[in-house]
Amino acid sequence: MQAKTAYLLAILGAACWGLIGLFVQNLYEYGFTPWEVVAIRSIFAAVLLLAYMAILKRDVLKINWKHVPLFIGSGIISIVFFNWCFFTVMEQANLSLAVVLLYTGPLFVTILSRIFFKELLTLQKGIAIIATLIGCAFVVGFLPSVNSVITVSTLLIGIGSGFFYALYSIFAKVSSRYYGALTITGYTYFCAALFMLTTSQVTTKLSLFLEAPVLFNSLGLAIIPTIVAFLLYTKGLSHVESSRASILSTIEPVVAICVGFLVFQDVLTIWQWVGVCLVIASIILATTSSSKQKQKKTAQARVS
């Protein structure tokens, strides 16, 4: 797969994540809690993916049992705990702060990728990460003025959301050495679903799923910002450095803001548009610097 195609897949996957608000807000109106929405997302995604795999792609169901810890890592340690940290900050502070702290993820991915995968820490990559953090802060309205006062515990939990969010890129990167995107995504959400079934109260509200809007939004949540998003991102991740893929994923809050602007008639400030431009610039910087490095390596190989 060409690098440009891999970048496009990662960006499209992250863009699908940005559509999550279209379905979550509707489920909240029916009395579901954030933790229950996480359960709905995980359970519906796991059922749909495993059913599809069992009927049409049985060969991708085969895994080596020694790799189960990788799926537990991406499904429970990453997906579940990043959601818990994210929703806790939303409850204790506000959504804007939660999003900003969540997108410390690329910084953690870059550090962890350097440790585990020996990926280079380049100047361009560092600038892209800084631009990403500042851009996301502008996009969600946390900058230029900080109006919220948070406790140390809330701050640490928020940083934890970025850390656990980053772990998906690490676990999935290792899993991609042995399995395709469908297998990784399917077993990731299978592990997450088992965990959420035992820790949420969603099973006490089964009657609500008989209502068409609830079923429609549950399926939409499971398919578009979950299955499609993770399949695309994981497929792109298998051909791109983890640190670069995490920078590309920051298109998500930009898409979320644009959805609010186009669908819910939200009004964007000049600073939010500045943030959108910074995030897009960081993505361009991350991809172009990678292309230059590959060209340099190719030239050196030819000389030698």
C-alpha atoms as a PDB file:
ATOM      1  CA  MET A   1       0.000   0.000   0.000  1.00  0.00           C
ATOM      2  CA  GLN A   2       1.283   3.458  -0.900  1.00  0.00           C
ATOM      3  CA  ALA A   3       1.926   5.917   1.928  1.00  0.00           C
ATOM      4  CA  LYS A   4      -0.617   8.407   0.566  1.00  0.00           C
ATOM      5  CA  THR A   5      -3.328   5.733   0.618  1.00  0.00           C
ATOM      6  CA  ALA A   6      -2.436   4.770   4.196  1.00  0.00           C
ATOM      7  CA  TYR A   7      -2.561   8.422   5.282  1.00  0.00           C
ATOM      8  CA  LEU A   8      -5.950   8.843   3.608  1.00  0.00           C
ATOM      9  CA  LEU A   9      -7.355   5.756   5.349  1.00  0.00           C
ATOM     10  CA  ALA A  10      -6.150   6.967   8.764  1.00  0.00           C
ATOM     11  CA  ILE A  11      -7.630  10.426   8.174  1.00  0.00           C
ATOM     12  CA  LEU A  12     -10.973   9.014   6.951  1.00  0.00           C
ATOM     13  CA  GLY A  13     -11.133   6.725   9.985  1.00  0.00           C
ATOM     14  CA  ALA A  14     -10.531   9.624  12.360  1.00  0.00           C
ATOM     15  CA  ALA A  15     -13.083  11.709  10.456  1.00  0.00           C
ATOM     16  CA  CYS A  16     -15.667   8.992  11.111  1.00  0.00           C
ATOM     17  CA  TRP A  17     -14.887   9.270  14.826  1.00  0.00           C
ATOM     18  CA  GLY A  18     -15.824  12.925  14.565  1.00  0.00           C
ATOM     19  CA  LEU A  19     -19.390  11.929  13.592  1.00  0.00           C
ATOM     20  CA  ILE A  20     -20.016  10.236  16.937  1.00  0.00           C
ATOM     21  CA  GLY A  21     -21.983  13.207  18.299  1.00  0.00           C
ATOM     22  CA  LEU A  22     -24.739  12.646  15.729  1.00  0.00           C
ATOM     23  CA  PHE A  23     -25.682   9.406  17.477  1.00  0.00           C
ATOM     24  CA  VAL A  24     -24.583   9.912  21.087  1.00  0.00           C
ATOM     25  CA  GLN A  25     -26.644  13.038  21.679  1.00  0.00           C
ATOM     26  CA  ASN A  26     -29.784  11.236  20.514  1.00  0.00           C
ATOM     27  CA  LEU A  27     -29.129   8.295  22.849  1.00  0.00           C
ATOM     28  CA  TYR A  28     -28.644  10.670  25.784  1.00  0.00           C
ATOM     29  CA  GLU A  29     -32.177  11.964  25.175  1.00  0.00           C
ATOM     30  CA  TYR A  30     -33.516   8.486  25.955  1.00  0.00           C
ATOM     31  CA  GLY A  31     -31.872   8.442  29.364  1.00  0.00           C
ATOM     32  CA  PHE A  32     -28.721   6.476  28.655  1.00  0.00           C
ATOM     33  CA  THR A  33     -25.665   7.444  30.706  1.00  0.00           C
ATOM     34  CA  PRO A  34     -22.267   8.012  29.080  1.00  0.00           C
ATOM     35  CA  TRP A  35     -21.018   4.680  30.452  1.00  0.00           C
ATOM     36  CA  GLU A  36     -24.070   2.914  29.011  1.00  0.00           C
ATOM     37  CA  VAL A  37     -23.460   4.561  25.630  1.00  0.00           C
ATOM     38  CA  VAL A  38     -19.922   3.154  25.702  1.00  0.00           C
ATOM     39  CA  ALA A  39     -21.486  -0.251  26.405  1.00  0.00           C
ATOM     40  CA  ILE A  40     -23.925   0.145  23.494  1.00  0.00           C
ATOM     41  CA  ARG A  41     -21.090   1.114  21.193  1.00  0.00           C
ATOM     42  CA  SER A  42     -18.923  -1.830  22.218  1.00  0.00           C
ATOM     43  CA  ILE A  43     -21.647  -4.503  22.303  1.00  0.00           C
ATOM     44  CA  PHE A  44     -23.340  -3.581  19.021  1.00  0.00           C
ATOM     45  CA  ALA A  45     -19.973  -3.265  17.261  1.00  0.00           C
ATOM     46  CA  ALA A  46     -18.787  -6.633  18.587  1.00  0.00           C
ATOM     47  CA  VAL A  47     -21.994  -8.433  17.576  1.00  0.00           C
ATOM     48  CA  LEU A  48     -22.031  -6.952  14.060  1.00  0.00           C
ATOM     49  CA  LEU A  49     -18.339  -7.570  13.440  1.00  0.00           C
ATOM     50  CA  LEU A  50     -18.252 -11.131  14.768  1.00  0.00           C
ATOM     51  CA  ALA A  51     -21.475 -12.046  12.933  1.00  0.00           C
ATOM     52  CA  TYR A  52     -20.026 -10.753   9.668  1.00  0.00           C
ATOM     53  CA  MET A  53     -16.751 -12.572  10.286  1.00  0.00           C
ATOM     54  CA  ALA A  54     -18.504 -15.837  11.208  1.00  0.00           C
ATOM     55  CA  ILE A  55     -20.763 -15.802   8.137  1.00  0.00           C
ATOM     56  CA  LEU A  56     -18.553 -14.370   5.393  1.00  0.00           C
ATOM     57  CA  LYS A  57     -14.950 -14.237   6.684  1.00  0.00           C
ATOM     58  CA  ARG A  58     -14.438 -17.296   8.853  1.00  0.00           C
ATOM     59  CA  ASP A  59     -10.748 -17.421   8.037  1.00  0.00           C
ATOM     60  CA  VAL A  60     -10.135 -14.094   9.849  1.00  0.00           C
ATOM     61  CA  LEU A  61     -11.635 -15.501  13.064  1.00  0.00           C
ATOM     62  CA  LYS A  62      -8.557 -17.641  13.600  1.00  0.00           C
ATOM     63  CA  ILE A  63      -6.098 -16.198  16.091  1.00  0.00           C
ATOM     64  CA  ASN A  64      -3.194 -17.464  18.130  1.00  0.00           C
ATOM     65  CA  TRP A  65      -4.241 -17.574  21.777  1.00  0.00           C
ATOM     66  CA  LYS A  66      -0.909 -16.106  22.831  1.00  0.00           C
ATOM     67  CA  HIS A  67      -2.036 -12.878  21.106  1.00  0.00           C
ATOM     68  CA  VAL A  68      -5.203 -12.529  23.212  1.00  0.00           C
ATOM     69  CA  PRO A  69      -3.425 -10.087  25.584  1.00  0.00           C
ATOM     70  CA  LEU A  70      -3.024  -7.714  22.614  1.00  0.00           C
ATOM     71  CA  PHE A  71      -6.798  -7.624  22.092  1.00  0.00           C
ATOM     72  CA  ILE A  72      -7.414  -7.246  25.818  1.00  0.00           C
ATOM     73  CA  GLY A  73      -4.983  -4.353  25.692  1.00  0.00           C
ATOM     74  CA  SER A  74      -6.641  -2.578  22.763  1.00  0.00           C
ATOM     75  CA  GLY A  75     -10.194  -3.439  23.859  1.00  0.00           C
ATOM     76  CA  ILE A  76     -10.188  -2.997  27.636  1.00  0.00           C
ATOM     77  CA  ILE A  77      -7.025  -1.169  28.651  1.00  0.00           C
ATOM     78  CA  SER A  78      -7.298   1.283  25.748  1.00  0.00           C
ATOM     79  CA  ILE A  79     -10.906   1.620  24.512  1.00  0.00           C
ATOM     80  CA  VAL A  80     -12.723   1.166  27.837  1.00  0.00           C
ATOM     81  CA  PHE A  81     -10.408   3.118  30.101  1.00  0.00           C
ATOM     82  CA  PHE A  82      -9.879   5.969  27.660  1.00  0.00           C
ATOM     83  CA  ASN A  83     -13.681   6.342  27.517  1.00  0.00           C
ATOM     84  CA  TRP A  84     -13.938   6.256  31.311  1.00  0.00           C
ATOM     85  CA  CYS A  85     -11.294   8.962  31.723  1.00  0.00           C
ATOM     86  CA  PHE A  86     -12.817  11.044  28.914  1.00  0.00           C
ATOM     87  CA  PHE A  87     -16.347  10.958  30.331  1.00  0.00           C
ATOM     88  CA  THR A  88     -15.101  11.580  33.885  1.00  0.00           C
ATOM     89  CA  VAL A  89     -13.397  14.824  32.815  1.00  0.00           C
ATOM     90  CA  MET A  90     -16.556  15.827  30.958  1.00  0.00           C
ATOM     91  CA  GLU A  91     -18.539  15.298  34.166  1.00  0.00           C
ATOM     92  CA  GLN A  92     -16.069  16.994  36.516  1.00  0.00           C
ATOM     93  CA  ALA A  93     -15.041  19.870  34.215  1.00  0.00           C
ATOM     94  CA  ASN A  94     -16.298  20.339  30.664  1.00  0.00           C
ATOM     95  CA  LEU A  95     -16.174  18.861  27.177  1.00  0.00           C
ATOM     96  CA  SER A  96     -13.620  21.366  25.915  1.00  0.00           C
ATOM     97  CA  LEU A  97     -11.054  20.443  28.541  1.00  0.00           C
ATOM     98  CA  ALA A  98     -11.764  16.744  28.015  1.00  0.00           C
ATOM     99  CA  VAL A  99     -11.030  17.010  24.283  1.00  0.00           C
ATOM    100  CA  VAL A 100      -7.832  19.020  24.808  1.00  0.00           C
ATOM    101  CA  LEU A 101      -6.474  16.540  27.362  1.00  0.00           C
ATOM    102  CA  LEU A 102      -7.530  13.601  25.184  1.00  0.00           C
ATOM    103  CA  TYR A 103      -5.388  14.946  22.357  1.00  0.00           C
ATOM    104  CA  THR A 104      -2.246  14.730  24.426  1.00  0.00           C
ATOM    105  CA  GLY A 105      -2.465  11.257  22.858  1.00  0.00           C
ATOM    106  CA  PRO A 106      -0.111  11.980  19.924  1.00  0.00           C
ATOM    107  CA  LEU A 107       2.591  13.020  22.411  1.00  0.00           C
ATOM    108  CA  PHE A 108       2.257   9.717  24.272  1.00  0.00           C
ATOM    109  CA  VAL A 109       2.169   7.744  21.008  1.00  0.00           C
ATOM    110  CA  THR A 110       5.361   9.445  19.834  1.00  0.00           C
ATOM    111  CA  ILE A 111       7.148   8.637  23.114  1.00  0.00           C
ATOM    112  CA  LEU A 112       5.900   5.041  23.261  1.00  0.00           C
ATOM    113  CA  SER A 113       6.650   4.484  19.558  1.00  0.00           C
ATOM    114  CA  ARG A 114      10.202   5.658  20.149  1.00  0.00           C
ATOM    115  CA  ILE A 115      10.563   3.166  23.024  1.00  0.00           C
ATOM    116  CA  PHE A 116       8.879   0.126  21.437  1.00  0.00           C
ATOM    117  CA  PHE A 117       9.233   0.648  17.675  1.00  0.00           C
ATOM    118  CA  LYS A 118      12.382   2.835  17.541  1.00  0.00           C
ATOM    119  CA  GLU A 119      10.549   5.478  15.478  1.00  0.00           C
ATOM    120  CA  LEU A 120      12.548   8.660  14.935  1.00  0.00           C
ATOM    121  CA  LEU A 121      11.811  11.814  16.941  1.00  0.00           C
ATOM    122  CA  THR A 122      12.111  14.434  14.218  1.00  0.00           C
ATOM    123  CA  LEU A 123      11.818  18.213  14.473  1.00  0.00           C
ATOM    124  CA  GLN A 124       8.871  18.207  12.046  1.00  0.00           C
ATOM    125  CA  LYS A 125       7.063  15.623  14.151  1.00  0.00           C
ATOM    126  CA  GLY A 126       7.601  17.672  17.314  1.00  0.00           C
ATOM    127  CA  ILE A 127       6.284  20.843  15.648  1.00  0.00           C
ATOM    128  CA  ALA A 128       3.278  18.876  14.345  1.00  0.00           C
ATOM    129  CA  ILE A 129       2.441  17.650  17.861  1.00  0.00           C
ATOM    130  CA  ILE A 130       2.677  21.165  19.342  1.00  0.00           C
ATOM    131  CA  ALA A 131       0.508  22.546  16.521  1.00  0.00           C
ATOM    132  CA  THR A 132      -1.976  19.730  17.151  1.00  0.00           C
ATOM    133  CA  LEU A 133      -2.306  20.484  20.877  1.00  0.00           C
ATOM    134  CA  ILE A 134      -2.681  24.231  20.331  1.00  0.00           C
ATOM    135  CA  GLY A 135      -5.046  23.711  17.399  1.00  0.00           C
ATOM    136  CA  CYS A 136      -7.328  21.362  19.366  1.00  0.00           C
ATOM    137  CA  ALA A 137      -7.361  23.832  22.266  1.00  0.00           C
ATOM    138  CA  PHE A 138      -8.567  26.567  19.882  1.00  0.00           C
ATOM    139  CA  VAL A 139     -11.069  24.257  18.152  1.00  0.00           C
ATOM    140  CA  VAL A 140     -12.881  23.300  21.363  1.00  0.00           C
ATOM    141  CA  GLY A 141     -12.765  26.835  22.755  1.00  0.00           C
ATOM    142  CA  PHE A 142     -10.277  26.205  25.562  1.00  0.00           C
ATOM    143  CA  LEU A 143      -8.027  28.896  24.098  1.00  0.00           C
ATOM    144  CA  PRO A 144      -7.354  31.826  23.875  1.00  0.00           C
ATOM    145  CA  SER A 145      -8.977  32.264  27.323  1.00  0.00           C
ATOM    146  CA  VAL A 146      -9.014  29.534  29.957  1.00  0.00           C
ATOM    147  CA  ASN A 147     -12.162  29.953  32.030  1.00  0.00           C
ATOM    148  CA  SER A 148     -12.270  26.663  33.911  1.00  0.00           C
ATOM    149  CA  VAL A 149     -10.566  25.785  37.186  1.00  0.00           C
ATOM    150  CA  ILE A 150      -9.754  22.095  37.570  1.00  0.00           C
ATOM    151  CA  THR A 151      -8.420  19.926  40.352  1.00  0.00           C
ATOM    152  CA  VAL A 152      -5.193  17.949  40.148  1.00  0.00           C
ATOM    153  CA  SER A 153      -7.159  14.680  40.056  1.00  0.00           C
ATOM    154  CA  THR A 154      -9.266  15.861  37.099  1.00  0.00           C
ATOM    155  CA  LEU A 155      -6.127  16.954  35.263  1.00  0.00           C
ATOM    156  CA  LEU A 156      -4.436  13.598  35.857  1.00  0.00           C
ATOM    157  CA  ILE A 157      -7.537  11.679  34.738  1.00  0.00           C
ATOM    158  CA  GLY A 158      -7.692  13.852  31.615  1.00  0.00           C
ATOM    159  CA  ILE A 159      -4.062  13.138  30.796  1.00  0.00           C
ATOM    160  CA  GLY A 160      -4.900   9.494  31.451  1.00  0.00           C
ATOM    161  CA  SER A 161      -7.498   9.666  28.660  1.00  0.00           C
ATOM    162  CA  GLY A 162      -4.749  10.741  26.260  1.00  0.00           C
ATOM    163  CA  PHE A 163      -2.467   7.963  27.495  1.00  0.00           C
ATOM    164  CA  PHE A 164      -5.062   5.184  27.169  1.00  0.00           C
ATOM    165  CA  TYR A 165      -6.177   6.626  23.828  1.00  0.00           C
ATOM    166  CA  ALA A 166      -2.567   6.418  22.663  1.00  0.00           C
ATOM    167  CA  LEU A 167      -2.279   2.784  23.693  1.00  0.00           C
ATOM    168  CA  TYR A 168      -4.664   1.719  20.914  1.00  0.00           C
ATOM    169  CA  SER A 169      -2.088   2.760  18.310  1.00  0.00           C
ATOM    170  CA  ILE A 170       0.566   0.759  20.153  1.00  0.00           C
ATOM    171  CA  PHE A 171      -1.442  -2.444  20.677  1.00  0.00           C
ATOM    172  CA  ALA A 172      -2.972  -2.302  17.180  1.00  0.00           C
ATOM    173  CA  LYS A 173       0.439  -1.668  15.613  1.00  0.00           C
ATOM    174  CA  VAL A 174       1.787  -4.865  17.169  1.00  0.00           C
ATOM    175  CA  SER A 175      -1.376  -6.818  16.269  1.00  0.00           C
ATOM    176  CA  SER A 176      -1.096  -5.652  12.639  1.00  0.00           C
ATOM    177  CA  ARG A 177       2.074  -7.737  12.307  1.00  0.00           C
ATOM    178  CA  TYR A 178      -0.074 -10.866  12.579  1.00  0.00           C
ATOM    179  CA  TYR A 179      -3.648  -9.905  11.639  1.00  0.00           C
ATOM    180  CA  GLY A 180      -5.669  -7.701   9.329  1.00  0.00           C
ATOM    181  CA  ALA A 181      -7.752  -4.705  10.358  1.00  0.00           C
ATOM    182  CA  LEU A 182     -11.001  -6.735  10.523  1.00  0.00           C
ATOM    183  CA  THR A 183      -9.597  -9.303  12.953  1.00  0.00           C
ATOM    184  CA  ILE A 184      -8.019  -6.639  15.161  1.00  0.00           C
ATOM    185  CA  THR A 185     -11.153  -4.492  15.304  1.00  0.00           C
ATOM    186  CA  GLY A 186     -13.464  -7.475  15.836  1.00  0.00           C
ATOM    187  CA  TYR A 187     -11.570  -8.969  18.767  1.00  0.00           C
ATOM    188  CA  THR A 188     -10.828  -5.546  20.248  1.00  0.00           C
ATOM    189  CA  TYR A 189     -14.526  -4.805  20.544  1.00  0.00           C
ATOM    190  CA  PHE A 190     -15.324  -8.352  21.622  1.00  0.00           C
ATOM    191  CA  CYS A 191     -13.069  -7.875  24.657  1.00  0.00           C
ATOM    192  CA  ALA A 192     -14.504  -4.411  25.297  1.00  0.00           C
ATOM    193  CA  ALA A 193     -18.087  -5.738  25.019  1.00  0.00           C
ATOM    194  CA  LEU A 194     -17.501  -8.531  27.549  1.00  0.00           C
ATOM    195  CA  PHE A 195     -16.079  -6.031  30.002  1.00  0.00           C
ATOM    196  CA  MET A 196     -18.921  -3.516  29.505  1.00  0.00           C
ATOM    197  CA  LEU A 197     -21.604  -6.189  29.921  1.00  0.00           C
ATOM    198  CA  THR A 198     -20.337  -6.818  33.449  1.00  0.00           C
ATOM    199  CA  THR A 199     -19.812  -3.190  34.467  1.00  0.00           C
ATOM    200  CA  SER A 200     -22.783  -1.273  32.994  1.00  0.00           C
ATOM    201  CA  GLN A 201     -26.549  -1.298  33.583  1.00  0.00           C
ATOM    202  CA  VAL A 202     -27.450  -1.268  29.893  1.00  0.00           C
ATOM    203  CA  THR A 203     -29.078  -4.720  30.107  1.00  0.00           C
ATOM    204  CA  THR A 204     -31.754  -3.258  32.431  1.00  0.00           C
ATOM    205  CA  LYS A 205     -32.924  -0.991  29.582  1.00  0.00           C
ATOM    206  CA  LEU A 206     -33.427  -3.610  26.871  1.00  0.00           C
ATOM    207  CA  SER A 207     -37.031  -2.499  26.290  1.00  0.00           C
ATOM    208  CA  LEU A 208     -35.769   0.839  24.967  1.00  0.00           C
ATOM    209  CA  PHE A 209     -34.137  -0.899  22.022  1.00  0.00           C
ATOM    210  CA  LEU A 210     -37.588  -1.822  20.719  1.00  0.00           C
ATOM    211  CA  GLU A 211     -38.031   1.833  19.833  1.00  0.00           C
ATOM    212  CA  ALA A 212     -36.889   2.573  16.277  1.00  0.00           C
ATOM    213  CA  PRO A 213     -34.883   5.765  17.051  1.00  0.00           C
ATOM    214  CA  VAL A 214     -32.894   4.029  19.787  1.00  0.00           C
ATOM    215  CA  LEU A 215     -32.144   1.010  17.593  1.00  0.00           C
ATOM    216  CA  PHE A 216     -31.262   3.235  14.620  1.00  0.00           C
ATOM    217  CA  ASN A 217     -28.868   5.402  16.625  1.00  0.00           C
ATOM    218  CA  SER A 218     -27.314   2.372  18.330  1.00  0.00           C
ATOM    219  CA  LEU A 219     -26.627   0.735  14.968  1.00  0.00           C
ATOM    220  CA  GLY A 220     -25.387   4.028  13.524  1.00  0.00           C
ATOM    221  CA  LEU A 221     -23.040   4.504  16.487  1.00  0.00           C
ATOM    222  CA  ALA A 222     -21.697   0.974  16.093  1.00  0.00           C
ATOM    223  CA  ILE A 223     -21.237   1.132  12.332  1.00  0.00           C
ATOM    224  CA  ILE A 224     -19.984   4.599  11.313  1.00  0.00           C
ATOM    225  CA  PRO A 225     -17.850   6.082  14.144  1.00  0.00           C
ATOM    226  CA  THR A 226     -16.858   2.656  15.455  1.00  0.00           C
ATOM    227  CA  ILE A 227     -16.588  -0.227  12.953  1.00  0.00           C
ATOM    228  CA  VAL A 228     -15.879   1.826   9.820  1.00  0.00           C
ATOM    229  CA  ALA A 229     -13.691   4.289  11.745  1.00  0.00           C
ATOM    230  CA  PHE A 230     -11.509   1.670  13.419  1.00  0.00           C
ATOM    231  CA  LEU A 231     -11.248  -0.508  10.306  1.00  0.00           C
ATOM    232  CA  LEU A 232      -9.998   2.436   8.243  1.00  0.00           C
ATOM    233  CA  TYR A 233      -7.672   3.773  10.955  1.00  0.00           C
ATOM    234  CA  THR A 234      -6.268   0.333  11.784  1.00  0.00           C
ATOM    235  CA  LYS A 235      -5.706  -0.458   8.101  1.00  0.00           C
ATOM    236  CA  GLY A 236      -3.852   2.826   7.625  1.00  0.00           C
ATOM    237  CA  LEU A 237      -1.936   2.320  10.867  1.00  0.00           C
ATOM    238  CA  SER A 238      -0.464  -0.952   9.598  1.00  0.00           C
ATOM    239  CA  HIS A 239       1.378   1.002   6.861  1.00  0.00           C
ATOM    240  CA  VAL A 240       2.179   4.238   8.742  1.00  0.00           C
ATOM    241  CA  GLU A 241       4.289   5.094  11.788  1.00  0.00           C
ATOM    242  CA  SER A 242       2.133   5.050  14.933  1.00  0.00           C
ATOM    243  CA  SER A 243       3.180   8.579  15.893  1.00  0.00           C
ATOM    244  CA  ARG A 244       2.206   9.985  12.487  1.00  0.00           C
ATOM    245  CA  ALA A 245      -1.115   8.140  12.471  1.00  0.00           C
ATOM    246  CA  SER A 246      -1.968   9.624  15.876  1.00  0.00           C
ATOM    247  CA  ILE A 247      -1.302  13.128  14.532  1.00  0.00           C
ATOM    248  CA  LEU A 248      -3.539  12.405  11.548  1.00  0.00           C
ATOM    249  CA  SER A 249      -6.295  11.277  13.934  1.00  0.00           C
ATOM    250  CA  THR A 250      -6.598  14.802  15.315  1.00  0.00           C
ATOM    251  CA  ILE A 251      -8.827  15.606  12.345  1.00  0.00           C
ATOM    252  CA  GLU A 252     -11.579  14.122  14.578  1.00  0.00           C
ATOM    253  CA  PRO A 253     -12.371  17.278  16.651  1.00  0.00           C
ATOM    254  CA  VAL A 254     -12.258  19.348  13.471  1.00  0.00           C
ATOM    255  CA  VAL A 255     -14.890  17.092  11.889  1.00  0.00           C
ATOM    256  CA  ALA A 256     -16.946  17.193  15.099  1.00  0.00           C
ATOM    257  CA  ILE A 257     -16.891  20.991  15.058  1.00  0.00           C
ATOM    258  CA  CYS A 258     -17.850  21.059  11.379  1.00  0.00           C
ATOM    259  CA  VAL A 259     -20.772  18.703  12.072  1.00  0.00           C
ATOM    260  CA  GLY A 260     -21.954  21.084  14.762  1.00  0.00           C
ATOM    261  CA  PHE A 261     -21.601  23.979  12.343  1.00  0.00           C
ATOM    262  CA  LEU A 262     -23.344  22.291   9.403  1.00  0.00           C
ATOM    263  CA  VAL A 263     -25.944  20.110  11.154  1.00  0.00           C
ATOM    264  CA  PHE A 264     -26.687  21.793  14.467  1.00  0.00           C
ATOM    265  CA  GLN A 265     -26.081  25.389  13.283  1.00  0.00           C
ATOM    266  CA  ASP A 266     -23.368  26.001  15.862  1.00  0.00           C
ATOM    267  CA  VAL A 267     -21.575  29.323  15.438  1.00  0.00           C
ATOM    268  CA  LEU A 268     -17.792  29.106  15.045  1.00  0.00           C
ATOM    269  CA  THR A 269     -15.535  31.844  16.345  1.00  0.00           C
ATOM    270  CA  ILE A 270     -12.479  33.143  14.532  1.00  0.00           C
ATOM    271  CA  TRP A 271     -10.298  31.309  17.061  1.00  0.00           C
ATOM    272  CA  GLN A 272     -11.979  27.989  16.256  1.00  0.00           C
ATOM    273  CA  TRP A 273     -11.215  28.528  12.585  1.00  0.00           C
ATOM    274  CA  VAL A 274      -7.601  29.253  13.596  1.00  0.00           C
ATOM    275  CA  GLY A 275      -7.579  25.928  15.440  1.00  0.00           C
ATOM    276  CA  VAL A 276      -8.968  24.098  12.414  1.00  0.00           C
ATOM    277  CA  CYS A 277      -6.179  25.547  10.268  1.00  0.00           C
ATOM    278  CA  LEU A 278      -3.511  24.558  12.821  1.00  0.00           C
ATOM    279  CA  VAL A 279      -4.739  20.966  12.976  1.00  0.00           C
ATOM    280  CA  ILE A 280      -4.824  20.692   9.189  1.00  0.00           C
ATOM    281  CA  ALA A 281      -1.332  22.229   9.021  1.00  0.00           C
ATOM    282  CA  SER A 282      -0.021  19.676  11.539  1.00  0.00           C
ATOM    283  CA  ILE A 283      -1.433  16.843   9.411  1.00  0.00           C
ATOM    284  CA  ILE A 284       0.206  18.235   6.271  1.00  0.00           C
ATOM    285  CA  LEU A 285       3.503  18.649   8.138  1.00  0.00           C
ATOM    286  CA  ALA A 286       3.389  15.085   9.476  1.00  0.00           C
ATOM    287  CA  THR A 287       2.727  13.572   6.061  1.00  0.00           C
ATOM    288  CA  THR A 288       5.154  15.706   4.033  1.00  0.00           C
ATOM    289  CA  SER A 289       8.023  15.152   6.463  1.00  0.00           C
ATOM    290  CA  SER A 290       7.474  11.416   6.173  1.00  0.00           C
ATOM    291  CA  SER A 291       7.572  11.588   2.377  1.00  0.00           C
ATOM    292  CA  LYS A 292      10.868  13.494   2.467  1.00  0.00           C
ATOM    293  CA  GLN A 293      12.398  10.898   4.797  1.00  0.00           C
ATOM    294  CA  LYS A 294      11.356   8.065   2.467  1.00  0.00           C
ATOM    295  CA  GLN A 295      12.811   9.867  -0.537  1.00  0.00           C
ATOM    296  CA  LYS A 296      16.055  10.391   1.353  1.00  0.00           C
ATOM    297  CA  LYS A 297      16.239   6.702   2.311  1.00  0.00           C
ATOM    298  CA  THR A 298      15.537   5.678  -1.285  1.00  0.00           C
ATOM    299  CA  ALA A 299      18.300   7.968  -2.574  1.00  0.00           C
ATOM    300  CA  GLN A 300      20.768   6.594  -0.017  1.00  0.00           C
ATOM    301  CA  ALA A 301      19.854   3.030  -0.981  1.00  0.00           C
ATOM    302  CA  ARG A 302      20.503   3.757  -4.631  1.00  0.00           C
ATOM    303  CA  VAL A 303      23.898   5.295  -3.869  1.00  0.00           C
ATOM    304  CA  SER A 304      24.942   2.340  -1.761  1.00  0.00           C
END
